[in-house]
Amino acid sequence: MDEMTTVALVPEGTTIDRALNLGNGGLGGSDMREIAALLARAYPEAVLVVELPLWRPEDPGIRETDLSVAISGDEIYSVRPLNSGPNLVERTLRLADPSFMYNAFILEPKVNLVAELVFPNLLKSGQVVVKGVLVGAYDGEGFVLASSRH
C-alpha cells in the first residue's frame, strides 16, 4: 500500500481536535452498523478479515462456529465478504474488542481465504491485494481506516 488515505471513523459530532487525539476515549463510541455499511459500499468485492487476538485454536467451539473463522498457526481470524449483508458484516466487526489490539484487513482476494489464510504467503504470491486496514483507536470508541488509493 504505497499511496494511502487515512480517515478517522468517530461518532458524529466529534470535533477535529478530538479526532486528532487518537489515544483518548470519551467520544461515546462509533456506530458499528454505520461502519459496516461504509465498508460494504466502499469495497463491495472485498473480504473483511478481523484479527481475533484473544482467541486460541484450542478454545472450545472455535471450529464449530458459524462466524467463518480461519486459523493460521496460533492466529484466529474471522473472514466475511463485505457484500454478505450489513448484519453479518457488523457481527464480524464486533467479534474483537476495539479497545485491545483491534486490527481488521480489507482484502481483494484471488483465492479462498478461509481455506488458506497465511497472510505473508498470500501477500507475497499476489493472491490478495490489501485495499485497507482498520485499526481501533480512541480507547476503543473509534477507528482509523487506512485505504489504498488504487
N, C-alpha and C. Protein backbone atom coordinates (compact mmCIF):
# COMPACT_ATOMS: atom_id res chain seq x y z
N MET A 1 0.85 -1.18 0.00
CA MET A 1 0.00 0.00 0.00
C MET A 1 0.89 1.24 0.00
N ASP A 2 1.40 1.58 -1.17
CA ASP A 2 2.31 2.71 -1.26
C ASP A 2 1.60 4.03 -1.01
N GLU A 3 0.49 4.27 -1.68
CA GLU A 3 -0.25 5.51 -1.51
C GLU A 3 -1.53 5.20 -0.75
N MET A 4 -1.71 5.89 0.38
CA MET A 4 -2.88 5.63 1.22
C MET A 4 -3.53 6.94 1.63
N THR A 5 -4.80 6.82 1.91
CA THR A 5 -5.52 7.90 2.58
C THR A 5 -5.95 7.35 3.93
N THR A 6 -6.08 8.23 4.88
CA THR A 6 -6.45 7.82 6.23
C THR A 6 -7.62 8.67 6.69
N VAL A 7 -8.57 8.01 7.33
CA VAL A 7 -9.74 8.71 7.83
C VAL A 7 -10.07 8.17 9.23
N ALA A 8 -10.49 9.07 10.11
CA ALA A 8 -10.93 8.67 11.44
C ALA A 8 -12.43 8.36 11.37
N LEU A 9 -12.82 7.22 11.90
CA LEU A 9 -14.23 6.85 11.98
C LEU A 9 -14.64 7.04 13.43
N VAL A 10 -15.28 8.15 13.69
CA VAL A 10 -15.64 8.56 15.05
C VAL A 10 -17.12 8.90 15.10
N PRO A 11 -17.68 8.98 16.31
CA PRO A 11 -19.10 9.33 16.41
C PRO A 11 -19.39 10.71 15.80
N GLU A 12 -20.57 10.83 15.25
CA GLU A 12 -21.00 12.11 14.68
C GLU A 12 -20.89 13.20 15.74
N GLY A 13 -20.44 14.36 15.32
CA GLY A 13 -20.31 15.49 16.23
C GLY A 13 -18.95 15.61 16.89
N THR A 14 -18.04 14.66 16.63
CA THR A 14 -16.69 14.73 17.19
C THR A 14 -15.93 15.86 16.51
N THR A 15 -15.30 16.72 17.30
CA THR A 15 -14.54 17.83 16.73
C THR A 15 -13.23 17.32 16.13
N ILE A 16 -12.65 18.12 15.27
CA ILE A 16 -11.38 17.77 14.65
C ILE A 16 -10.29 17.64 15.72
N ASP A 17 -10.28 18.53 16.69
CA ASP A 17 -9.28 18.45 17.76
C ASP A 17 -9.37 17.12 18.49
N ARG A 18 -10.58 16.67 18.81
CA ARG A 18 -10.77 15.39 19.49
C ARG A 18 -10.39 14.23 18.58
N ALA A 19 -10.70 14.34 17.30
CA ALA A 19 -10.38 13.27 16.35
C ALA A 19 -8.87 13.12 16.17
N LEU A 20 -8.13 14.18 16.32
CA LEU A 20 -6.67 14.12 16.18
C LEU A 20 -5.99 13.56 17.42
N ASN A 21 -6.71 13.42 18.52
CA ASN A 21 -6.16 12.87 19.75
C ASN A 21 -6.53 11.39 19.82
N LEU A 22 -5.77 10.55 19.12
CA LEU A 22 -6.11 9.14 18.92
C LEU A 22 -6.03 8.30 20.19
N GLY A 23 -5.29 8.74 21.19
CA GLY A 23 -5.05 7.91 22.36
C GLY A 23 -6.12 7.99 23.43
N ASN A 24 -7.02 8.92 23.34
CA ASN A 24 -8.01 9.09 24.41
C ASN A 24 -9.42 8.77 23.94
N GLY A 25 -10.20 8.26 24.86
CA GLY A 25 -11.60 7.97 24.58
C GLY A 25 -12.47 9.15 24.95
N GLY A 26 -13.67 8.83 25.40
CA GLY A 26 -14.62 9.88 25.77
C GLY A 26 -15.46 10.37 24.60
N LEU A 27 -15.40 9.65 23.47
CA LEU A 27 -16.16 10.06 22.30
C LEU A 27 -17.58 9.53 22.31
N GLY A 28 -17.81 8.46 23.05
CA GLY A 28 -19.15 7.89 23.12
C GLY A 28 -19.34 6.63 22.31
N GLY A 29 -18.39 6.26 21.49
CA GLY A 29 -18.50 5.01 20.73
C GLY A 29 -19.01 5.21 19.32
N SER A 30 -18.33 4.59 18.38
CA SER A 30 -18.72 4.66 16.98
C SER A 30 -19.90 3.74 16.69
N ASP A 31 -20.64 4.07 15.67
CA ASP A 31 -21.78 3.27 15.23
C ASP A 31 -21.28 2.15 14.32
N MET A 32 -21.19 0.94 14.86
CA MET A 32 -20.66 -0.20 14.10
C MET A 32 -21.51 -0.52 12.88
N ARG A 33 -22.80 -0.33 12.97
CA ARG A 33 -23.67 -0.59 11.82
C ARG A 33 -23.31 0.36 10.68
N GLU A 34 -23.05 1.61 11.02
CA GLU A 34 -22.68 2.60 10.01
C GLU A 34 -21.31 2.27 9.41
N ILE A 35 -20.37 1.82 10.23
CA ILE A 35 -19.05 1.45 9.73
C ILE A 35 -19.16 0.24 8.81
N ALA A 36 -19.97 -0.73 9.17
CA ALA A 36 -20.19 -1.90 8.32
C ALA A 36 -20.76 -1.48 6.97
N ALA A 37 -21.72 -0.59 6.97
CA ALA A 37 -22.33 -0.11 5.72
C ALA A 37 -21.32 0.66 4.88
N LEU A 38 -20.52 1.49 5.52
CA LEU A 38 -19.50 2.26 4.82
C LEU A 38 -18.49 1.33 4.13
N LEU A 39 -18.02 0.32 4.85
CA LEU A 39 -17.05 -0.62 4.27
C LEU A 39 -17.67 -1.40 3.11
N ALA A 40 -18.91 -1.83 3.27
CA ALA A 40 -19.59 -2.58 2.21
C ALA A 40 -19.77 -1.73 0.95
N ARG A 41 -20.10 -0.45 1.13
CA ARG A 41 -20.25 0.43 -0.02
C ARG A 41 -18.90 0.70 -0.70
N ALA A 42 -17.87 0.93 0.10
CA ALA A 42 -16.57 1.29 -0.45
C ALA A 42 -15.84 0.11 -1.08
N TYR A 43 -16.09 -1.09 -0.57
CA TYR A 43 -15.35 -2.28 -1.03
C TYR A 43 -16.31 -3.44 -1.30
N PRO A 44 -17.22 -3.32 -2.25
CA PRO A 44 -18.24 -4.36 -2.45
C PRO A 44 -17.69 -5.72 -2.88
N GLU A 45 -16.51 -5.76 -3.47
CA GLU A 45 -15.93 -7.03 -3.93
C GLU A 45 -14.87 -7.56 -2.98
N ALA A 46 -14.67 -6.89 -1.86
CA ALA A 46 -13.59 -7.26 -0.94
C ALA A 46 -14.08 -8.16 0.19
N VAL A 47 -13.12 -8.65 0.94
CA VAL A 47 -13.38 -9.50 2.09
C VAL A 47 -12.82 -8.82 3.33
N LEU A 48 -13.60 -8.84 4.39
CA LEU A 48 -13.18 -8.30 5.68
C LEU A 48 -12.55 -9.44 6.48
N VAL A 49 -11.35 -9.20 7.01
CA VAL A 49 -10.66 -10.18 7.83
C VAL A 49 -10.35 -9.50 9.16
N VAL A 50 -11.00 -9.96 10.22
CA VAL A 50 -10.82 -9.38 11.55
C VAL A 50 -9.94 -10.29 12.37
N GLU A 51 -8.84 -9.74 12.87
CA GLU A 51 -7.94 -10.50 13.74
C GLU A 51 -8.60 -10.65 15.11
N LEU A 52 -8.54 -11.86 15.67
CA LEU A 52 -9.14 -12.14 16.98
C LEU A 52 -8.02 -12.52 17.95
N PRO A 53 -7.32 -11.51 18.49
CA PRO A 53 -6.10 -11.78 19.27
C PRO A 53 -6.33 -12.50 20.59
N LEU A 54 -7.52 -12.48 21.11
CA LEU A 54 -7.80 -13.16 22.38
C LEU A 54 -8.30 -14.59 22.19
N TRP A 55 -8.53 -15.00 20.96
CA TRP A 55 -9.00 -16.35 20.67
C TRP A 55 -7.79 -17.25 20.42
N ARG A 56 -7.94 -18.52 20.74
CA ARG A 56 -6.89 -19.52 20.51
C ARG A 56 -7.50 -20.73 19.81
N PRO A 57 -6.72 -21.42 18.98
CA PRO A 57 -7.25 -22.58 18.25
C PRO A 57 -7.84 -23.64 19.15
N GLU A 58 -7.34 -23.78 20.37
CA GLU A 58 -7.84 -24.82 21.27
C GLU A 58 -9.08 -24.38 22.06
N ASP A 59 -9.53 -23.15 21.89
CA ASP A 59 -10.74 -22.70 22.58
C ASP A 59 -11.94 -23.55 22.17
N PRO A 60 -12.80 -23.91 23.13
CA PRO A 60 -13.97 -24.73 22.80
C PRO A 60 -14.89 -24.02 21.80
N GLY A 61 -15.36 -24.78 20.82
CA GLY A 61 -16.35 -24.27 19.88
C GLY A 61 -15.81 -23.46 18.72
N ILE A 62 -14.50 -23.19 18.68
CA ILE A 62 -13.94 -22.37 17.60
C ILE A 62 -14.25 -22.97 16.23
N ARG A 63 -14.04 -24.23 16.06
CA ARG A 63 -14.21 -24.84 14.74
C ARG A 63 -15.67 -25.09 14.37
N GLU A 64 -16.56 -25.05 15.36
CA GLU A 64 -17.98 -25.31 15.08
C GLU A 64 -18.78 -24.02 14.88
N THR A 65 -18.13 -22.89 14.95
CA THR A 65 -18.83 -21.61 14.87
C THR A 65 -19.33 -21.33 13.45
N ASP A 66 -20.33 -20.48 13.34
CA ASP A 66 -20.84 -20.05 12.04
C ASP A 66 -20.25 -18.70 11.64
N LEU A 67 -19.16 -18.32 12.25
CA LEU A 67 -18.58 -17.00 12.04
C LEU A 67 -17.49 -16.98 10.98
N SER A 68 -17.35 -18.00 10.18
CA SER A 68 -16.32 -18.09 9.15
C SER A 68 -14.94 -17.83 9.74
N VAL A 69 -14.58 -18.64 10.71
CA VAL A 69 -13.30 -18.50 11.39
C VAL A 69 -12.21 -19.21 10.60
N ALA A 70 -11.07 -18.54 10.46
CA ALA A 70 -9.90 -19.12 9.81
C ALA A 70 -8.78 -19.18 10.82
N ILE A 71 -8.07 -20.29 10.82
CA ILE A 71 -6.96 -20.50 11.76
C ILE A 71 -5.68 -20.59 10.96
N SER A 72 -4.69 -19.81 11.37
CA SER A 72 -3.37 -19.82 10.75
C SER A 72 -2.34 -19.92 11.85
N GLY A 73 -1.84 -21.13 12.09
CA GLY A 73 -0.93 -21.33 13.22
C GLY A 73 -1.70 -21.11 14.52
N ASP A 74 -1.22 -20.19 15.32
CA ASP A 74 -1.90 -19.83 16.57
C ASP A 74 -2.81 -18.63 16.41
N GLU A 75 -2.91 -18.09 15.22
CA GLU A 75 -3.71 -16.89 14.97
C GLU A 75 -5.12 -17.28 14.50
N ILE A 76 -6.10 -16.52 14.99
CA ILE A 76 -7.50 -16.74 14.61
C ILE A 76 -8.02 -15.47 13.93
N TYR A 77 -8.73 -15.66 12.85
CA TYR A 77 -9.33 -14.55 12.10
C TYR A 77 -10.76 -14.90 11.77
N SER A 78 -11.59 -13.88 11.67
CA SER A 78 -12.92 -14.08 11.13
C SER A 78 -12.94 -13.46 9.74
N VAL A 79 -13.44 -14.21 8.77
CA VAL A 79 -13.42 -13.79 7.38
C VAL A 79 -14.85 -13.64 6.89
N ARG A 80 -15.16 -12.48 6.32
CA ARG A 80 -16.53 -12.22 5.87
C ARG A 80 -16.50 -11.38 4.60
N PRO A 81 -17.11 -11.84 3.51
CA PRO A 81 -17.24 -10.98 2.33
C PRO A 81 -18.04 -9.73 2.70
N LEU A 82 -17.59 -8.58 2.23
CA LEU A 82 -18.27 -7.33 2.58
C LEU A 82 -19.62 -7.19 1.88
N ASN A 83 -19.90 -8.03 0.91
CA ASN A 83 -21.21 -7.99 0.25
C ASN A 83 -22.18 -9.01 0.85
N SER A 84 -21.88 -9.51 2.05
CA SER A 84 -22.74 -10.53 2.67
C SER A 84 -23.87 -9.95 3.52
N GLY A 85 -24.04 -8.65 3.49
CA GLY A 85 -25.13 -8.02 4.22
C GLY A 85 -24.65 -7.30 5.47
N PRO A 86 -25.30 -6.19 5.80
CA PRO A 86 -24.83 -5.36 6.90
C PRO A 86 -24.85 -6.05 8.26
N ASN A 87 -25.81 -6.92 8.51
CA ASN A 87 -25.86 -7.59 9.82
C ASN A 87 -24.67 -8.51 10.04
N LEU A 88 -24.31 -9.29 9.02
CA LEU A 88 -23.18 -10.20 9.15
C LEU A 88 -21.85 -9.45 9.21
N VAL A 89 -21.72 -8.37 8.45
CA VAL A 89 -20.50 -7.57 8.49
C VAL A 89 -20.37 -6.90 9.86
N GLU A 90 -21.45 -6.36 10.36
CA GLU A 90 -21.41 -5.74 11.68
C GLU A 90 -21.06 -6.77 12.75
N ARG A 91 -21.65 -7.95 12.66
CA ARG A 91 -21.37 -9.00 13.64
C ARG A 91 -19.89 -9.39 13.61
N THR A 92 -19.33 -9.46 12.43
CA THR A 92 -17.91 -9.78 12.28
C THR A 92 -17.05 -8.67 12.87
N LEU A 93 -17.39 -7.42 12.61
CA LEU A 93 -16.63 -6.31 13.18
C LEU A 93 -16.65 -6.33 14.70
N ARG A 94 -17.74 -6.78 15.29
CA ARG A 94 -17.89 -6.78 16.74
C ARG A 94 -17.22 -7.97 17.44
N LEU A 95 -16.67 -8.91 16.70
CA LEU A 95 -16.07 -10.08 17.33
C LEU A 95 -14.85 -9.75 18.17
N ALA A 96 -14.11 -8.74 17.79
CA ALA A 96 -12.92 -8.34 18.54
C ALA A 96 -13.24 -7.10 19.38
N ASP A 97 -12.56 -6.99 20.50
CA ASP A 97 -12.71 -5.83 21.38
C ASP A 97 -11.91 -4.66 20.80
N PRO A 98 -12.56 -3.57 20.39
CA PRO A 98 -11.83 -2.48 19.74
C PRO A 98 -10.86 -1.73 20.68
N SER A 99 -10.94 -1.99 21.97
CA SER A 99 -10.01 -1.32 22.89
C SER A 99 -8.72 -2.10 23.06
N PHE A 100 -8.64 -3.33 22.49
CA PHE A 100 -7.45 -4.15 22.63
C PHE A 100 -6.97 -4.63 21.27
N MET A 101 -5.93 -4.05 20.76
CA MET A 101 -5.27 -4.55 19.55
C MET A 101 -6.24 -4.85 18.41
N TYR A 102 -7.11 -3.93 18.08
CA TYR A 102 -8.11 -4.17 17.04
C TYR A 102 -7.46 -3.97 15.67
N ASN A 103 -7.46 -5.03 14.87
CA ASN A 103 -6.94 -4.98 13.52
C ASN A 103 -7.89 -5.72 12.59
N ALA A 104 -8.28 -5.05 11.53
CA ALA A 104 -9.10 -5.67 10.50
C ALA A 104 -8.50 -5.29 9.15
N PHE A 105 -8.58 -6.22 8.23
CA PHE A 105 -7.98 -6.01 6.92
C PHE A 105 -9.06 -6.13 5.86
N ILE A 106 -8.98 -5.29 4.86
CA ILE A 106 -9.90 -5.34 3.74
C ILE A 106 -9.08 -5.82 2.56
N LEU A 107 -9.40 -7.02 2.10
CA LEU A 107 -8.59 -7.69 1.09
C LEU A 107 -9.41 -7.96 -0.16
N GLU A 108 -8.76 -7.80 -1.28
CA GLU A 108 -9.35 -8.22 -2.55
C GLU A 108 -8.71 -9.57 -2.87
N PRO A 109 -9.46 -10.65 -2.67
CA PRO A 109 -8.85 -11.98 -2.80
C PRO A 109 -8.87 -12.53 -4.22
N LYS A 110 -7.92 -13.41 -4.44
CA LYS A 110 -7.89 -14.18 -5.68
C LYS A 110 -7.94 -15.67 -5.36
N VAL A 111 -8.10 -15.99 -4.05
CA VAL A 111 -8.19 -17.37 -3.56
C VAL A 111 -9.23 -17.41 -2.45
N ASN A 112 -9.58 -18.61 -2.02
CA ASN A 112 -10.50 -18.79 -0.90
C ASN A 112 -9.73 -18.52 0.40
N LEU A 113 -10.03 -17.40 1.06
CA LEU A 113 -9.27 -17.00 2.24
C LEU A 113 -9.51 -17.89 3.44
N VAL A 114 -10.67 -18.48 3.56
CA VAL A 114 -10.93 -19.34 4.72
C VAL A 114 -10.09 -20.61 4.63
N ALA A 115 -9.91 -21.11 3.44
CA ALA A 115 -9.19 -22.37 3.28
C ALA A 115 -7.69 -22.22 3.51
N GLU A 116 -7.11 -21.11 3.13
CA GLU A 116 -5.66 -20.96 3.25
C GLU A 116 -5.31 -19.53 3.65
N LEU A 117 -5.31 -19.28 4.94
CA LEU A 117 -5.08 -17.93 5.42
C LEU A 117 -3.72 -17.84 6.10
N VAL A 118 -2.70 -17.55 5.31
CA VAL A 118 -1.38 -17.26 5.82
C VAL A 118 -0.98 -15.96 5.13
N PHE A 119 -1.22 -14.84 5.83
CA PHE A 119 -1.09 -13.53 5.18
C PHE A 119 0.23 -13.29 4.48
N PRO A 120 1.38 -13.53 5.12
CA PRO A 120 2.63 -13.24 4.39
C PRO A 120 2.71 -14.00 3.07
N ASN A 121 2.32 -15.27 3.08
CA ASN A 121 2.38 -16.06 1.84
C ASN A 121 1.39 -15.54 0.80
N LEU A 122 0.19 -15.20 1.24
CA LEU A 122 -0.82 -14.68 0.30
C LEU A 122 -0.38 -13.36 -0.30
N LEU A 123 0.19 -12.48 0.51
CA LEU A 123 0.64 -11.18 0.02
C LEU A 123 1.81 -11.32 -0.95
N LYS A 124 2.79 -12.12 -0.56
CA LYS A 124 3.98 -12.30 -1.41
C LYS A 124 3.62 -12.92 -2.76
N SER A 125 2.67 -13.82 -2.76
CA SER A 125 2.31 -14.51 -4.00
C SER A 125 1.35 -13.70 -4.87
N GLY A 126 0.84 -12.60 -4.33
CA GLY A 126 -0.09 -11.78 -5.10
C GLY A 126 -1.51 -12.33 -5.10
N GLN A 127 -1.81 -13.27 -4.20
CA GLN A 127 -3.14 -13.86 -4.17
C GLN A 127 -4.17 -12.97 -3.49
N VAL A 128 -3.71 -11.94 -2.81
CA VAL A 128 -4.62 -10.93 -2.25
C VAL A 128 -4.00 -9.55 -2.44
N VAL A 129 -4.85 -8.56 -2.51
CA VAL A 129 -4.43 -7.17 -2.57
C VAL A 129 -5.02 -6.49 -1.35
N VAL A 130 -4.20 -5.83 -0.57
CA VAL A 130 -4.69 -5.11 0.61
C VAL A 130 -5.31 -3.80 0.13
N LYS A 131 -6.61 -3.67 0.37
CA LYS A 131 -7.32 -2.46 -0.01
C LYS A 131 -7.44 -1.48 1.16
N GLY A 132 -7.38 -2.01 2.39
CA GLY A 132 -7.48 -1.14 3.55
C GLY A 132 -7.15 -1.87 4.83
N VAL A 133 -6.85 -1.09 5.86
CA VAL A 133 -6.59 -1.60 7.19
C VAL A 133 -7.39 -0.75 8.17
N LEU A 134 -8.14 -1.41 9.03
CA LEU A 134 -8.96 -0.74 10.04
C LEU A 134 -8.37 -1.07 11.40
N VAL A 135 -8.00 -0.03 12.16
CA VAL A 135 -7.43 -0.25 13.49
C VAL A 135 -8.26 0.49 14.53
N GLY A 136 -8.29 -0.09 15.72
CA GLY A 136 -9.01 0.55 16.81
C GLY A 136 -8.23 1.75 17.33
N ALA A 137 -8.97 2.75 17.78
CA ALA A 137 -8.36 3.97 18.33
C ALA A 137 -9.32 4.55 19.37
N TYR A 138 -8.90 5.61 20.02
CA TYR A 138 -9.75 6.33 20.97
C TYR A 138 -10.25 5.42 22.10
N ASP A 139 -9.36 4.61 22.64
CA ASP A 139 -9.72 3.67 23.70
C ASP A 139 -10.89 2.78 23.31
N GLY A 140 -10.94 2.41 22.04
CA GLY A 140 -11.97 1.50 21.56
C GLY A 140 -13.26 2.18 21.15
N GLU A 141 -13.31 3.49 21.16
CA GLU A 141 -14.55 4.20 20.82
C GLU A 141 -14.58 4.69 19.37
N GLY A 142 -13.53 4.42 18.63
CA GLY A 142 -13.48 4.82 17.23
C GLY A 142 -12.42 4.01 16.51
N PHE A 143 -12.23 4.31 15.25
CA PHE A 143 -11.31 3.57 14.40
C PHE A 143 -10.59 4.52 13.47
N VAL A 144 -9.47 4.04 12.93
CA VAL A 144 -8.78 4.72 11.85
C VAL A 144 -8.76 3.73 10.69
N LEU A 145 -9.16 4.21 9.52
CA LEU A 145 -9.18 3.41 8.30
C LEU A 145 -8.13 3.96 7.35
N ALA A 146 -7.14 3.15 7.02
CA ALA A 146 -6.14 3.49 6.02
C ALA A 146 -6.52 2.74 4.75
N SER A 147 -6.69 3.45 3.66
CA SER A 147 -7.15 2.84 2.41
C SER A 147 -6.14 3.07 1.29
N SER A 148 -6.00 2.07 0.46
CA SER A 148 -5.17 2.20 -0.73
C SER A 148 -5.87 3.12 -1.71
N ARG A 149 -5.11 3.96 -2.36
CA ARG A 149 -5.69 4.86 -3.37
C ARG A 149 -5.91 4.16 -4.70
N HIS A 150 -5.42 2.94 -4.81
CA HIS A 150 -5.52 2.20 -6.08
C HIS A 150 -6.59 1.16 -6.00
